[in-house]
Amino acid sequence: MSSFSTYLIGFIVLIIGLAIAAILLGVSQTWVVVGCIILIGIAILMATTRTKPKDPPAPPMA
């Protein structure tokens, strides 16, 4: 399993936990769905930037 998928799975578990907590606190289901969509977008952006392979260093100029 790649680090990208591991990162996304962990973030999705976090989002599910936050959504359940928000519903138990009485937050409207509409706002819970909106928050989940936003957090999934943030998760994809963060996973992409954190797991992107680094560019190899440029060869030394003579």
PDB file of N, CA and C in Angstrom:
ATOM      1  N   MET A   1       0.852  -1.167   0.000  1.00  0.00           N
ATOM      2  CA  MET A   1       0.000   0.000   0.000  1.00  0.00           C
ATOM      3  C   MET A   1       0.903   1.238   0.000  1.00  0.00           C
ATOM      4  N   SER A   2       0.599   2.154  -0.876  1.00  0.00           N
ATOM      5  CA  SER A   2       1.432   3.350  -0.989  1.00  0.00           C
ATOM      6  C   SER A   2       1.158   4.312   0.163  1.00  0.00           C
ATOM      7  N   SER A   3       2.095   5.217   0.366  1.00  0.00           N
ATOM      8  CA  SER A   3       1.921   6.187   1.437  1.00  0.00           C
ATOM      9  C   SER A   3       0.754   7.125   1.136  1.00  0.00           C
ATOM     10  N   PHE A   4       0.474   7.352  -0.153  1.00  0.00           N
ATOM     11  CA  PHE A   4      -0.665   8.195  -0.533  1.00  0.00           C
ATOM     12  C   PHE A   4      -1.975   7.572  -0.045  1.00  0.00           C
ATOM     13  N   SER A   5      -2.167   6.285  -0.326  1.00  0.00           N
ATOM     14  CA  SER A   5      -3.418   5.630   0.079  1.00  0.00           C
ATOM     15  C   SER A   5      -3.505   5.495   1.598  1.00  0.00           C
ATOM     16  N   THR A   6      -2.386   5.237   2.256  1.00  0.00           N
ATOM     17  CA  THR A   6      -2.383   5.161   3.718  1.00  0.00           C
ATOM     18  C   THR A   6      -2.777   6.503   4.320  1.00  0.00           C
ATOM     19  N   TYR A   7      -2.255   7.586   3.772  1.00  0.00           N
ATOM     20  CA  TYR A   7      -2.582   8.932   4.251  1.00  0.00           C
ATOM     21  C   TYR A   7      -4.073   9.208   4.063  1.00  0.00           C
ATOM     22  N   LEU A   8      -4.596   8.874   2.883  1.00  0.00           N
ATOM     23  CA  LEU A   8      -6.015   9.131   2.620  1.00  0.00           C
ATOM     24  C   LEU A   8      -6.919   8.293   3.516  1.00  0.00           C
ATOM     25  N   ILE A   9      -6.577   7.037   3.736  1.00  0.00           N
ATOM     26  CA  ILE A   9      -7.395   6.176   4.591  1.00  0.00           C
ATOM     27  C   ILE A   9      -7.436   6.744   6.013  1.00  0.00           C
ATOM     28  N   GLY A  10      -6.293   7.157   6.523  1.00  0.00           N
ATOM     29  CA  GLY A  10      -6.253   7.747   7.854  1.00  0.00           C
ATOM     30  C   GLY A  10      -7.070   9.018   7.945  1.00  0.00           C
ATOM     31  N   PHE A  11      -6.996   9.851   6.923  1.00  0.00           N
ATOM     32  CA  PHE A  11      -7.745  11.107   6.934  1.00  0.00           C
ATOM     33  C   PHE A  11      -9.242  10.840   6.829  1.00  0.00           C
ATOM     34  N   ILE A  12      -9.626   9.838   6.046  1.00  0.00           N
ATOM     35  CA  ILE A  12     -11.055   9.515   5.912  1.00  0.00           C
ATOM     36  C   ILE A  12     -11.602   8.974   7.230  1.00  0.00           C
ATOM     37  N   VAL A  13     -10.806   8.169   7.944  1.00  0.00           N
ATOM     38  CA  VAL A  13     -11.236   7.702   9.267  1.00  0.00           C
ATOM     39  C   VAL A  13     -11.436   8.892  10.203  1.00  0.00           C
ATOM     40  N   LEU A  14     -10.532   9.863  10.150  1.00  0.00           N
ATOM     41  CA  LEU A  14     -10.676  11.075  10.956  1.00  0.00           C
ATOM     42  C   LEU A  14     -11.952  11.832  10.586  1.00  0.00           C
ATOM     43  N   ILE A  15     -12.231  11.971   9.308  1.00  0.00           N
ATOM     44  CA  ILE A  15     -13.428  12.691   8.849  1.00  0.00           C
ATOM     45  C   ILE A  15     -14.690  11.981   9.340  1.00  0.00           C
ATOM     46  N   ILE A  16     -14.703  10.655   9.267  1.00  0.00           N
ATOM     47  CA  ILE A  16     -15.877   9.904   9.733  1.00  0.00           C
ATOM     48  C   ILE A  16     -16.100  10.144  11.221  1.00  0.00           C
ATOM     49  N   GLY A  17     -15.023  10.114  11.994  1.00  0.00           N
ATOM     50  CA  GLY A  17     -15.144  10.369  13.425  1.00  0.00           C
ATOM     51  C   GLY A  17     -15.670  11.761  13.720  1.00  0.00           C
ATOM     52  N   LEU A  18     -15.156  12.754  12.997  1.00  0.00           N
ATOM     53  CA  LEU A  18     -15.632  14.126  13.193  1.00  0.00           C
ATOM     54  C   LEU A  18     -17.092  14.274  12.777  1.00  0.00           C
ATOM     55  N   ALA A  19     -17.497  13.598  11.715  1.00  0.00           N
ATOM     56  CA  ALA A  19     -18.889  13.673  11.260  1.00  0.00           C
ATOM     57  C   ALA A  19     -19.830  13.056  12.289  1.00  0.00           C
ATOM     58  N   ILE A  20     -19.438  11.915  12.850  1.00  0.00           N
ATOM     59  CA  ILE A  20     -20.272  11.282  13.871  1.00  0.00           C
ATOM     60  C   ILE A  20     -20.386  12.181  15.098  1.00  0.00           C
ATOM     61  N   ALA A  21     -19.273  12.780  15.509  1.00  0.00           N
ATOM     62  CA  ALA A  21     -19.297  13.686  16.660  1.00  0.00           C
ATOM     63  C   ALA A  21     -20.195  14.891  16.390  1.00  0.00           C
ATOM     64  N   ALA A  22     -20.126  15.441  15.176  1.00  0.00           N
ATOM     65  CA  ALA A  22     -20.961  16.604  14.844  1.00  0.00           C
ATOM     66  C   ALA A  22     -22.441  16.238  14.862  1.00  0.00           C
ATOM     67  N   ILE A  23     -22.784  15.064  14.354  1.00  0.00           N
ATOM     68  CA  ILE A  23     -24.189  14.640  14.365  1.00  0.00           C
ATOM     69  C   ILE A  23     -24.667  14.443  15.799  1.00  0.00           C
ATOM     70  N   LEU A  24     -23.819  13.846  16.646  1.00  0.00           N
ATOM     71  CA  LEU A  24     -24.199  13.655  18.049  1.00  0.00           C
ATOM     72  C   LEU A  24     -24.366  14.985  18.788  1.00  0.00           C
ATOM     73  N   LEU A  25     -23.635  16.012  18.334  1.00  0.00           N
ATOM     74  CA  LEU A  25     -23.754  17.330  18.951  1.00  0.00           C
ATOM     75  C   LEU A  25     -24.958  18.117  18.426  1.00  0.00           C
ATOM     76  N   GLY A  26     -25.621  17.590  17.411  1.00  0.00           N
ATOM     77  CA  GLY A  26     -26.827  18.230  16.910  1.00  0.00           C
ATOM     78  C   GLY A  26     -26.622  19.154  15.726  1.00  0.00           C
ATOM     79  N   VAL A  27     -25.477  19.047  15.059  1.00  0.00           N
ATOM     80  CA  VAL A  27     -25.229  19.871  13.877  1.00  0.00           C
ATOM     81  C   VAL A  27     -26.109  19.356  12.736  1.00  0.00           C
ATOM     82  N   SER A  28     -26.628  20.261  11.950  1.00  0.00           N
ATOM     83  CA  SER A  28     -27.476  19.895  10.821  1.00  0.00           C
ATOM     84  C   SER A  28     -26.728  18.973   9.863  1.00  0.00           C
ATOM     85  N   GLN A  29     -27.433  17.978   9.348  1.00  0.00           N
ATOM     86  CA  GLN A  29     -26.812  16.998   8.464  1.00  0.00           C
ATOM     87  C   GLN A  29     -26.270  17.651   7.192  1.00  0.00           C
ATOM     88  N   THR A  30     -26.903  18.709   6.740  1.00  0.00           N
ATOM     89  CA  THR A  30     -26.427  19.433   5.563  1.00  0.00           C
ATOM     90  C   THR A  30     -25.024  19.979   5.798  1.00  0.00           C
ATOM     91  N   TRP A  31     -24.809  20.583   6.970  1.00  0.00           N
ATOM     92  CA  TRP A  31     -23.499  21.148   7.273  1.00  0.00           C
ATOM     93  C   TRP A  31     -22.455  20.065   7.496  1.00  0.00           C
ATOM     94  N   VAL A  32     -22.873  18.922   8.008  1.00  0.00           N
ATOM     95  CA  VAL A  32     -21.938  17.803   8.174  1.00  0.00           C
ATOM     96  C   VAL A  32     -21.458  17.325   6.803  1.00  0.00           C
ATOM     97  N   VAL A  33     -22.362  17.220   5.852  1.00  0.00           N
ATOM     98  CA  VAL A  33     -21.991  16.781   4.491  1.00  0.00           C
ATOM     99  C   VAL A  33     -21.078  17.815   3.844  1.00  0.00           C
ATOM    100  N   VAL A  34     -21.399  19.080   3.976  1.00  0.00           N
ATOM    101  CA  VAL A  34     -20.559  20.140   3.406  1.00  0.00           C
ATOM    102  C   VAL A  34     -19.159  20.086   4.016  1.00  0.00           C
ATOM    103  N   GLY A  35     -19.076  19.939   5.324  1.00  0.00           N
ATOM    104  CA  GLY A  35     -17.784  19.841   5.996  1.00  0.00           C
ATOM    105  C   GLY A  35     -16.992  18.630   5.541  1.00  0.00           C
ATOM    106  N   CYS A  36     -17.663  17.502   5.363  1.00  0.00           N
ATOM    107  CA  CYS A  36     -16.977  16.287   4.900  1.00  0.00           C
ATOM    108  C   CYS A  36     -16.419  16.466   3.492  1.00  0.00           C
ATOM    109  N   ILE A  37     -17.166  17.090   2.614  1.00  0.00           N
ATOM    110  CA  ILE A  37     -16.690  17.323   1.246  1.00  0.00           C
ATOM    111  C   ILE A  37     -15.463  18.229   1.262  1.00  0.00           C
ATOM    112  N   ILE A  38     -15.505  19.269   2.066  1.00  0.00           N
ATOM    113  CA  ILE A  38     -14.361  20.181   2.161  1.00  0.00           C
ATOM    114  C   ILE A  38     -13.146  19.454   2.725  1.00  0.00           C
ATOM    115  N   LEU A  39     -13.332  18.663   3.778  1.00  0.00           N
ATOM    116  CA  LEU A  39     -12.214  17.949   4.379  1.00  0.00           C
ATOM    117  C   LEU A  39     -11.636  16.885   3.449  1.00  0.00           C
ATOM    118  N   ILE A  40     -12.463  16.242   2.641  1.00  0.00           N
ATOM    119  CA  ILE A  40     -11.948  15.269   1.670  1.00  0.00           C
ATOM    120  C   ILE A  40     -11.086  15.983   0.633  1.00  0.00           C
ATOM    121  N   GLY A  41     -11.509  17.150   0.191  1.00  0.00           N
ATOM    122  CA  GLY A  41     -10.692  17.928  -0.741  1.00  0.00           C
ATOM    123  C   GLY A  41      -9.351  18.320  -0.139  1.00  0.00           C
ATOM    124  N   ILE A  42      -9.376  18.757   1.117  1.00  0.00           N
ATOM    125  CA  ILE A  42      -8.130  19.108   1.797  1.00  0.00           C
ATOM    126  C   ILE A  42      -7.238  17.879   1.946  1.00  0.00           C
ATOM    127  N   ALA A  43      -7.848  16.738   2.254  1.00  0.00           N
ATOM    128  CA  ALA A  43      -7.071  15.501   2.410  1.00  0.00           C
ATOM    129  C   ALA A  43      -6.364  15.120   1.121  1.00  0.00           C
ATOM    130  N   ILE A  44      -7.042  15.244   0.000  1.00  0.00           N
ATOM    131  CA  ILE A  44      -6.427  14.906  -1.285  1.00  0.00           C
ATOM    132  C   ILE A  44      -5.275  15.858  -1.587  1.00  0.00           C
ATOM    133  N   LEU A  45      -5.485  17.145  -1.352  1.00  0.00           N
ATOM    134  CA  LEU A  45      -4.413  18.113  -1.586  1.00  0.00           C
ATOM    135  C   LEU A  45      -3.201  17.838  -0.693  1.00  0.00           C
ATOM    136  N   MET A  46      -3.440  17.579   0.580  1.00  0.00           N
ATOM    137  CA  MET A  46      -2.339  17.329   1.506  1.00  0.00           C
ATOM    138  C   MET A  46      -1.619  16.024   1.173  1.00  0.00           C
ATOM    139  N   ALA A  47      -2.369  14.988   0.847  1.00  0.00           N
ATOM    140  CA  ALA A  47      -1.744  13.700   0.523  1.00  0.00           C
ATOM    141  C   ALA A  47      -0.904  13.814  -0.737  1.00  0.00           C
ATOM    142  N   THR A  48      -1.371  14.575  -1.697  1.00  0.00           N
ATOM    143  CA  THR A  48      -0.624  14.742  -2.941  1.00  0.00           C
ATOM    144  C   THR A  48       0.679  15.494  -2.702  1.00  0.00           C
ATOM    145  N   THR A  49       0.626  16.565  -1.943  1.00  0.00           N
ATOM    146  CA  THR A  49       1.838  17.357  -1.730  1.00  0.00           C
ATOM    147  C   THR A  49       2.823  16.649  -0.807  1.00  0.00           C
ATOM    148  N   ARG A  50       2.331  15.894   0.164  1.00  0.00           N
ATOM    149  CA  ARG A  50       3.244  15.239   1.108  1.00  0.00           C
ATOM    150  C   ARG A  50       3.877  13.975   0.547  1.00  0.00           C
ATOM    151  N   THR A  51       3.234  13.316  -0.396  1.00  0.00           N
ATOM    152  CA  THR A  51       3.762  12.057  -0.918  1.00  0.00           C
ATOM    153  C   THR A  51       4.368  12.205  -2.308  1.00  0.00           C
ATOM    154  N   LYS A  52       4.418  13.432  -2.824  1.00  0.00           N
ATOM    155  CA  LYS A  52       5.005  13.667  -4.144  1.00  0.00           C
ATOM    156  C   LYS A  52       6.511  13.397  -4.062  1.00  0.00           C
ATOM    157  N   PRO A  53       7.052  12.615  -5.012  1.00  0.00           N
ATOM    158  CA  PRO A  53       8.495  12.362  -4.962  1.00  0.00           C
ATOM    159  C   PRO A  53       9.279  13.646  -5.191  1.00  0.00           C
ATOM    160  N   LYS A  54      10.366  13.765  -4.485  1.00  0.00           N
ATOM    161  CA  LYS A  54      11.212  14.945  -4.605  1.00  0.00           C
ATOM    162  C   LYS A  54      11.981  14.893  -5.939  1.00  0.00           C
ATOM    163  N   ASP A  55      12.203  16.054  -6.513  1.00  0.00           N
ATOM    164  CA  ASP A  55      12.990  16.135  -7.738  1.00  0.00           C
ATOM    165  C   ASP A  55      14.451  15.826  -7.395  1.00  0.00           C
ATOM    166  N   PRO A  56      15.131  15.070  -8.259  1.00  0.00           N
ATOM    167  CA  PRO A  56      16.551  14.795  -7.968  1.00  0.00           C
ATOM    168  C   PRO A  56      17.367  16.077  -8.072  1.00  0.00           C
ATOM    169  N   PRO A  57      18.448  16.169  -7.305  1.00  0.00           N
ATOM    170  CA  PRO A  57      19.250  17.388  -7.359  1.00  0.00           C
ATOM    171  C   PRO A  57      19.896  17.549  -8.740  1.00  0.00           C
ATOM    172  N   ALA A  58      20.029  18.784  -9.138  1.00  0.00           N
ATOM    173  CA  ALA A  58      20.641  19.077 -10.440  1.00  0.00           C
ATOM    174  C   ALA A  58      22.127  18.742 -10.395  1.00  0.00           C
ATOM    175  N   PRO A  59      22.671  18.285 -11.522  1.00  0.00           N
ATOM    176  CA  PRO A  59      24.104  17.993 -11.523  1.00  0.00           C
ATOM    177  C   PRO A  59      24.906  19.301 -11.339  1.00  0.00           C
ATOM    178  N   PRO A  60      26.070  19.201 -10.712  1.00  0.00           N
ATOM    179  CA  PRO A  60      26.845  20.417 -10.477  1.00  0.00           C
ATOM    180  C   PRO A  60      27.315  21.042 -11.792  1.00  0.00           C
ATOM    181  N   MET A  61      27.262  22.347 -11.823  1.00  0.00           N
ATOM    182  CA  MET A  61      27.699  23.069 -13.023  1.00  0.00           C
ATOM    183  C   MET A  61      29.218  23.274 -12.950  1.00  0.00           C
ATOM    184  N   ALA A  62      29.881  22.984 -14.035  1.00  0.00           N
ATOM    185  CA  ALA A  62      31.353  23.105 -14.048  1.00  0.00           C
ATOM    186  C   ALA A  62      31.796  24.442 -14.577  1.00  0.00           C
TER     187      ALA A  62
END
